[in-house]
Amino acid sequence: MSSVNLDTVNLNYANLSGAYLIYAHLNGAHLRGAHLNGARLNGAHVGGADLSGAHLNYADLSGAYLIGARLNHADLSHANLSGAYLIDADLLGARVTQAQLANARSIQGTIMPNGSIHP
């Protein structure tokens, strides 16, 4: 799927591993605990989506718009965040490295894994 509109869809705990969702619209989507391992979400619009506890290992989120997304306790191990917009996102308890976050376009106002808020 590419450029598909899945705004506000409920995909909690769905297995979308390896899904091709480039430029997809998932604003406000419910993806709590979803398996998105290796998914391609380049340039996807995922603003305000609930990805709490989601499995995003090796997912490609380059250039994705994750503004206001809830990624608390998500596993972003080895995910590509190059050029991603994580403005006001919630990463509390998420598995993500500082090196990954350094590649994001913006993490302004984001709740970091340790609970601090990035300026």
N, C-alpha and C. Protein backbone atom coordinates (compact mmCIF):
# COMPACT_ATOMS: atom_id res chain seq x y z
N MET A 1 0.84 -1.17 0.00
CA MET A 1 0.00 0.00 0.00
C MET A 1 0.89 1.24 0.00
N SER A 2 0.58 2.16 -0.82
CA SER A 2 1.31 3.41 -0.87
C SER A 2 0.30 4.54 -1.01
N SER A 3 0.51 5.61 -0.27
CA SER A 3 -0.38 6.78 -0.27
C SER A 3 -1.81 6.44 0.13
N VAL A 4 -2.01 5.37 0.85
CA VAL A 4 -3.34 4.97 1.30
C VAL A 4 -3.76 5.83 2.49
N ASN A 5 -5.05 6.09 2.62
CA ASN A 5 -5.56 6.87 3.74
C ASN A 5 -6.16 5.93 4.77
N LEU A 6 -5.47 5.81 5.90
CA LEU A 6 -5.93 4.97 7.00
C LEU A 6 -6.10 5.81 8.27
N ASP A 7 -6.40 7.11 8.09
CA ASP A 7 -6.59 7.98 9.24
C ASP A 7 -7.65 7.39 10.17
N THR A 8 -7.36 7.41 11.45
CA THR A 8 -8.22 6.98 12.56
C THR A 8 -8.59 5.49 12.54
N VAL A 9 -8.00 4.70 11.69
CA VAL A 9 -8.29 3.27 11.63
C VAL A 9 -7.84 2.59 12.93
N ASN A 10 -8.50 1.51 13.32
CA ASN A 10 -8.14 0.75 14.51
C ASN A 10 -7.41 -0.52 14.07
N LEU A 11 -6.10 -0.51 14.27
CA LEU A 11 -5.27 -1.67 13.93
C LEU A 11 -4.47 -2.12 15.16
N ASN A 12 -5.06 -1.95 16.34
CA ASN A 12 -4.39 -2.38 17.56
C ASN A 12 -4.00 -3.85 17.45
N TYR A 13 -2.75 -4.13 17.77
CA TYR A 13 -2.18 -5.48 17.80
C TYR A 13 -2.15 -6.18 16.44
N ALA A 14 -2.35 -5.45 15.37
CA ALA A 14 -2.31 -6.04 14.02
C ALA A 14 -0.87 -6.41 13.66
N ASN A 15 -0.73 -7.41 12.81
CA ASN A 15 0.58 -7.78 12.30
C ASN A 15 0.76 -7.14 10.92
N LEU A 16 1.52 -6.05 10.89
CA LEU A 16 1.80 -5.34 9.66
C LEU A 16 3.30 -5.38 9.35
N SER A 17 3.96 -6.42 9.84
CA SER A 17 5.39 -6.56 9.61
C SER A 17 5.67 -6.57 8.12
N GLY A 18 6.66 -5.75 7.72
CA GLY A 18 7.03 -5.68 6.32
C GLY A 18 6.07 -4.92 5.44
N ALA A 19 5.06 -4.29 6.02
CA ALA A 19 4.06 -3.55 5.22
C ALA A 19 4.72 -2.40 4.48
N TYR A 20 4.20 -2.11 3.32
CA TYR A 20 4.67 -1.02 2.46
C TYR A 20 3.66 0.10 2.57
N LEU A 21 3.95 1.07 3.47
CA LEU A 21 3.02 2.16 3.76
C LEU A 21 3.65 3.51 3.49
N ILE A 22 4.43 3.59 2.42
CA ILE A 22 5.11 4.83 2.07
C ILE A 22 4.08 5.91 1.75
N TYR A 23 4.26 7.07 2.38
CA TYR A 23 3.36 8.23 2.24
C TYR A 23 1.92 7.95 2.68
N ALA A 24 1.70 6.89 3.42
CA ALA A 24 0.36 6.58 3.92
C ALA A 24 -0.07 7.62 4.94
N HIS A 25 -1.37 7.78 5.08
CA HIS A 25 -1.94 8.67 6.09
C HIS A 25 -2.52 7.80 7.20
N LEU A 26 -1.90 7.91 8.37
CA LEU A 26 -2.32 7.15 9.55
C LEU A 26 -2.56 8.10 10.72
N ASN A 27 -2.94 9.34 10.41
CA ASN A 27 -3.17 10.33 11.47
C ASN A 27 -4.28 9.84 12.40
N GLY A 28 -3.98 9.85 13.70
CA GLY A 28 -4.97 9.44 14.69
C GLY A 28 -5.27 7.95 14.69
N ALA A 29 -4.49 7.17 13.97
CA ALA A 29 -4.72 5.72 13.91
C ALA A 29 -4.40 5.06 15.26
N HIS A 30 -5.05 3.95 15.50
CA HIS A 30 -4.84 3.17 16.72
C HIS A 30 -4.00 1.95 16.35
N LEU A 31 -2.72 2.01 16.72
CA LEU A 31 -1.77 0.95 16.38
C LEU A 31 -1.08 0.43 17.64
N ARG A 32 -1.78 0.49 18.74
CA ARG A 32 -1.22 0.04 20.02
C ARG A 32 -0.81 -1.43 19.91
N GLY A 33 0.46 -1.71 20.25
CA GLY A 33 0.96 -3.08 20.25
C GLY A 33 1.07 -3.72 18.87
N ALA A 34 0.91 -2.93 17.82
CA ALA A 34 0.98 -3.48 16.45
C ALA A 34 2.40 -3.92 16.12
N HIS A 35 2.51 -4.90 15.26
CA HIS A 35 3.80 -5.38 14.78
C HIS A 35 4.06 -4.75 13.42
N LEU A 36 5.03 -3.82 13.41
CA LEU A 36 5.41 -3.11 12.20
C LEU A 36 6.89 -3.33 11.92
N ASN A 37 7.40 -4.48 12.33
CA ASN A 37 8.81 -4.79 12.14
C ASN A 37 9.14 -4.77 10.64
N GLY A 38 10.16 -3.99 10.29
CA GLY A 38 10.59 -3.91 8.90
C GLY A 38 9.62 -3.20 7.97
N ALA A 39 8.59 -2.57 8.52
CA ALA A 39 7.62 -1.85 7.67
C ALA A 39 8.27 -0.61 7.07
N ARG A 40 7.81 -0.24 5.90
CA ARG A 40 8.30 0.97 5.22
C ARG A 40 7.24 2.05 5.35
N LEU A 41 7.56 3.04 6.18
CA LEU A 41 6.65 4.14 6.46
C LEU A 41 7.30 5.48 6.06
N ASN A 42 8.13 5.45 5.03
CA ASN A 42 8.82 6.66 4.59
C ASN A 42 7.80 7.74 4.25
N GLY A 43 7.98 8.92 4.82
CA GLY A 43 7.11 10.04 4.51
C GLY A 43 5.67 9.88 4.95
N ALA A 44 5.38 8.88 5.75
CA ALA A 44 4.01 8.64 6.21
C ALA A 44 3.59 9.74 7.19
N HIS A 45 2.30 10.02 7.21
CA HIS A 45 1.72 10.99 8.14
C HIS A 45 1.06 10.19 9.27
N VAL A 46 1.71 10.21 10.44
CA VAL A 46 1.28 9.40 11.57
C VAL A 46 1.02 10.29 12.78
N GLY A 47 0.63 11.53 12.54
CA GLY A 47 0.41 12.48 13.61
C GLY A 47 -0.71 12.06 14.54
N GLY A 48 -0.45 12.16 15.83
CA GLY A 48 -1.47 11.86 16.83
C GLY A 48 -1.85 10.39 16.92
N ALA A 49 -1.14 9.54 16.22
CA ALA A 49 -1.45 8.10 16.26
C ALA A 49 -0.98 7.49 17.58
N ASP A 50 -1.65 6.43 18.00
CA ASP A 50 -1.27 5.70 19.21
C ASP A 50 -0.50 4.46 18.81
N LEU A 51 0.82 4.54 18.96
CA LEU A 51 1.72 3.41 18.67
C LEU A 51 2.33 2.89 19.97
N SER A 52 1.63 3.07 21.07
CA SER A 52 2.13 2.62 22.37
C SER A 52 2.41 1.12 22.33
N GLY A 53 3.62 0.75 22.73
CA GLY A 53 3.99 -0.66 22.78
C GLY A 53 4.13 -1.31 21.41
N ALA A 54 4.14 -0.52 20.34
CA ALA A 54 4.27 -1.08 18.99
C ALA A 54 5.69 -1.63 18.77
N HIS A 55 5.79 -2.58 17.88
CA HIS A 55 7.06 -3.21 17.52
C HIS A 55 7.48 -2.65 16.17
N LEU A 56 8.48 -1.76 16.20
CA LEU A 56 8.93 -1.07 14.99
C LEU A 56 10.40 -1.39 14.69
N ASN A 57 10.84 -2.58 15.07
CA ASN A 57 12.22 -2.99 14.82
C ASN A 57 12.51 -2.92 13.32
N TYR A 58 13.61 -2.26 12.98
CA TYR A 58 14.06 -2.14 11.58
C TYR A 58 13.04 -1.46 10.67
N ALA A 59 12.05 -0.78 11.22
CA ALA A 59 11.09 -0.05 10.38
C ALA A 59 11.78 1.17 9.78
N ASP A 60 11.37 1.54 8.59
CA ASP A 60 11.91 2.72 7.93
C ASP A 60 10.91 3.86 8.09
N LEU A 61 11.23 4.78 8.99
CA LEU A 61 10.37 5.93 9.28
C LEU A 61 11.03 7.21 8.76
N SER A 62 11.92 7.08 7.79
CA SER A 62 12.61 8.26 7.29
C SER A 62 11.62 9.25 6.69
N GLY A 63 11.73 10.49 7.12
CA GLY A 63 10.86 11.54 6.62
C GLY A 63 9.42 11.45 7.09
N ALA A 64 9.13 10.56 8.03
CA ALA A 64 7.75 10.40 8.52
C ALA A 64 7.37 11.56 9.44
N TYR A 65 6.09 11.88 9.45
CA TYR A 65 5.54 12.93 10.30
C TYR A 65 4.85 12.26 11.48
N LEU A 66 5.56 12.21 12.62
CA LEU A 66 5.08 11.56 13.83
C LEU A 66 4.73 12.62 14.88
N ILE A 67 4.22 13.74 14.44
CA ILE A 67 3.92 14.87 15.32
C ILE A 67 2.79 14.49 16.28
N GLY A 68 3.11 14.56 17.58
CA GLY A 68 2.13 14.22 18.60
C GLY A 68 1.83 12.73 18.71
N ALA A 69 2.63 11.90 18.08
CA ALA A 69 2.40 10.45 18.14
C ALA A 69 2.77 9.90 19.51
N ARG A 70 2.02 8.92 19.96
CA ARG A 70 2.31 8.23 21.22
C ARG A 70 3.09 6.96 20.90
N LEU A 71 4.38 7.00 21.24
CA LEU A 71 5.29 5.88 20.99
C LEU A 71 5.84 5.36 22.31
N ASN A 72 5.11 5.63 23.40
CA ASN A 72 5.61 5.19 24.70
C ASN A 72 5.70 3.67 24.75
N HIS A 73 6.83 3.21 25.24
CA HIS A 73 7.15 1.79 25.37
C HIS A 73 7.19 1.06 24.03
N ALA A 74 7.32 1.80 22.93
CA ALA A 74 7.47 1.18 21.61
C ALA A 74 8.90 0.70 21.45
N ASP A 75 9.08 -0.33 20.65
CA ASP A 75 10.42 -0.84 20.35
C ASP A 75 10.84 -0.33 18.98
N LEU A 76 11.73 0.66 18.99
CA LEU A 76 12.23 1.27 17.77
C LEU A 76 13.66 0.81 17.47
N SER A 77 14.03 -0.37 17.99
CA SER A 77 15.39 -0.87 17.78
C SER A 77 15.72 -0.92 16.29
N HIS A 78 16.81 -0.27 15.93
CA HIS A 78 17.32 -0.25 14.55
C HIS A 78 16.37 0.42 13.56
N ALA A 79 15.36 1.14 14.03
CA ALA A 79 14.46 1.85 13.12
C ALA A 79 15.19 3.05 12.52
N ASN A 80 14.89 3.36 11.28
CA ASN A 80 15.49 4.50 10.60
C ASN A 80 14.61 5.72 10.84
N LEU A 81 15.14 6.69 11.60
CA LEU A 81 14.40 7.92 11.91
C LEU A 81 14.99 9.12 11.17
N SER A 82 15.78 8.89 10.14
CA SER A 82 16.41 9.98 9.40
C SER A 82 15.36 10.92 8.83
N GLY A 83 15.47 12.19 9.20
CA GLY A 83 14.55 13.20 8.68
C GLY A 83 13.14 13.13 9.21
N ALA A 84 12.89 12.29 10.21
CA ALA A 84 11.54 12.16 10.77
C ALA A 84 11.21 13.36 11.67
N TYR A 85 9.94 13.72 11.72
CA TYR A 85 9.45 14.80 12.56
C TYR A 85 8.77 14.17 13.78
N LEU A 86 9.43 14.27 14.93
CA LEU A 86 8.90 13.71 16.18
C LEU A 86 8.50 14.83 17.14
N ILE A 87 7.98 15.91 16.62
CA ILE A 87 7.61 17.06 17.42
C ILE A 87 6.46 16.68 18.37
N ASP A 88 6.65 16.98 19.66
CA ASP A 88 5.64 16.71 20.71
C ASP A 88 5.23 15.23 20.78
N ALA A 89 6.10 14.34 20.36
CA ALA A 89 5.83 12.91 20.45
C ALA A 89 6.09 12.42 21.88
N ASP A 90 5.58 11.26 22.20
CA ASP A 90 5.78 10.65 23.52
C ASP A 90 6.60 9.38 23.34
N LEU A 91 7.86 9.43 23.79
CA LEU A 91 8.77 8.28 23.70
C LEU A 91 9.08 7.69 25.07
N LEU A 92 8.26 8.00 26.06
CA LEU A 92 8.53 7.51 27.41
C LEU A 92 8.68 6.00 27.42
N GLY A 93 9.81 5.52 27.89
CA GLY A 93 10.07 4.09 27.99
C GLY A 93 10.33 3.39 26.67
N ALA A 94 10.43 4.15 25.58
CA ALA A 94 10.66 3.54 24.26
C ALA A 94 12.09 3.04 24.14
N ARG A 95 12.28 2.01 23.32
CA ARG A 95 13.61 1.50 23.01
C ARG A 95 14.10 2.23 21.76
N VAL A 96 14.92 3.25 21.98
CA VAL A 96 15.47 4.05 20.89
C VAL A 96 16.78 4.65 21.39
N THR A 97 17.74 4.79 20.51
CA THR A 97 19.03 5.33 20.93
C THR A 97 19.13 6.82 20.64
N GLN A 98 20.06 7.46 21.31
CA GLN A 98 20.32 8.88 21.06
C GLN A 98 20.81 9.07 19.62
N ALA A 99 21.56 8.11 19.11
CA ALA A 99 22.05 8.20 17.73
C ALA A 99 20.88 8.21 16.75
N GLN A 100 19.89 7.39 16.98
CA GLN A 100 18.71 7.37 16.12
C GLN A 100 17.99 8.73 16.18
N LEU A 101 17.80 9.24 17.39
CA LEU A 101 17.10 10.51 17.56
C LEU A 101 17.88 11.67 16.96
N ALA A 102 19.22 11.58 16.96
CA ALA A 102 20.05 12.63 16.38
C ALA A 102 19.82 12.75 14.87
N ASN A 103 19.35 11.68 14.23
CA ASN A 103 19.08 11.69 12.79
C ASN A 103 17.70 12.23 12.44
N ALA A 104 16.85 12.40 13.44
CA ALA A 104 15.50 12.93 13.18
C ALA A 104 15.59 14.40 12.78
N ARG A 105 14.63 14.87 12.01
CA ARG A 105 14.59 16.27 11.60
C ARG A 105 14.32 17.16 12.81
N SER A 106 13.37 16.73 13.66
CA SER A 106 13.05 17.52 14.85
C SER A 106 12.47 16.62 15.94
N ILE A 107 12.91 16.87 17.18
CA ILE A 107 12.34 16.18 18.34
C ILE A 107 11.88 17.22 19.37
N GLN A 108 11.58 18.40 18.89
CA GLN A 108 11.17 19.51 19.75
C GLN A 108 9.92 19.14 20.56
N GLY A 109 10.01 19.35 21.86
CA GLY A 109 8.88 19.10 22.74
C GLY A 109 8.58 17.64 22.99
N THR A 110 9.44 16.76 22.52
CA THR A 110 9.21 15.32 22.67
C THR A 110 9.55 14.84 24.07
N ILE A 111 8.69 13.98 24.60
CA ILE A 111 8.98 13.32 25.88
C ILE A 111 9.95 12.20 25.57
N MET A 112 11.14 12.31 26.13
CA MET A 112 12.21 11.36 25.86
C MET A 112 11.99 10.06 26.65
N PRO A 113 12.69 8.98 26.28
CA PRO A 113 12.52 7.70 26.97
C PRO A 113 12.67 7.78 28.49
N ASN A 114 13.52 8.70 28.96
CA ASN A 114 13.74 8.82 30.41
C ASN A 114 12.74 9.76 31.09
N GLY A 115 11.79 10.32 30.34
CA GLY A 115 10.77 11.19 30.91
C GLY A 115 11.07 12.68 30.79
N SER A 116 12.29 13.03 30.42
CA SER A 116 12.59 14.45 30.23
C SER A 116 11.95 14.94 28.94
N ILE A 117 11.77 16.24 28.84
CA ILE A 117 11.16 16.83 27.64
C ILE A 117 12.24 17.58 26.88
N HIS A 118 12.38 17.25 25.59
CA HIS A 118 13.39 17.91 24.78
C HIS A 118 12.94 19.34 24.49
N PRO A 119 13.87 20.29 24.65
CA PRO A 119 13.48 21.69 24.42
C PRO A 119 13.10 21.96 22.97
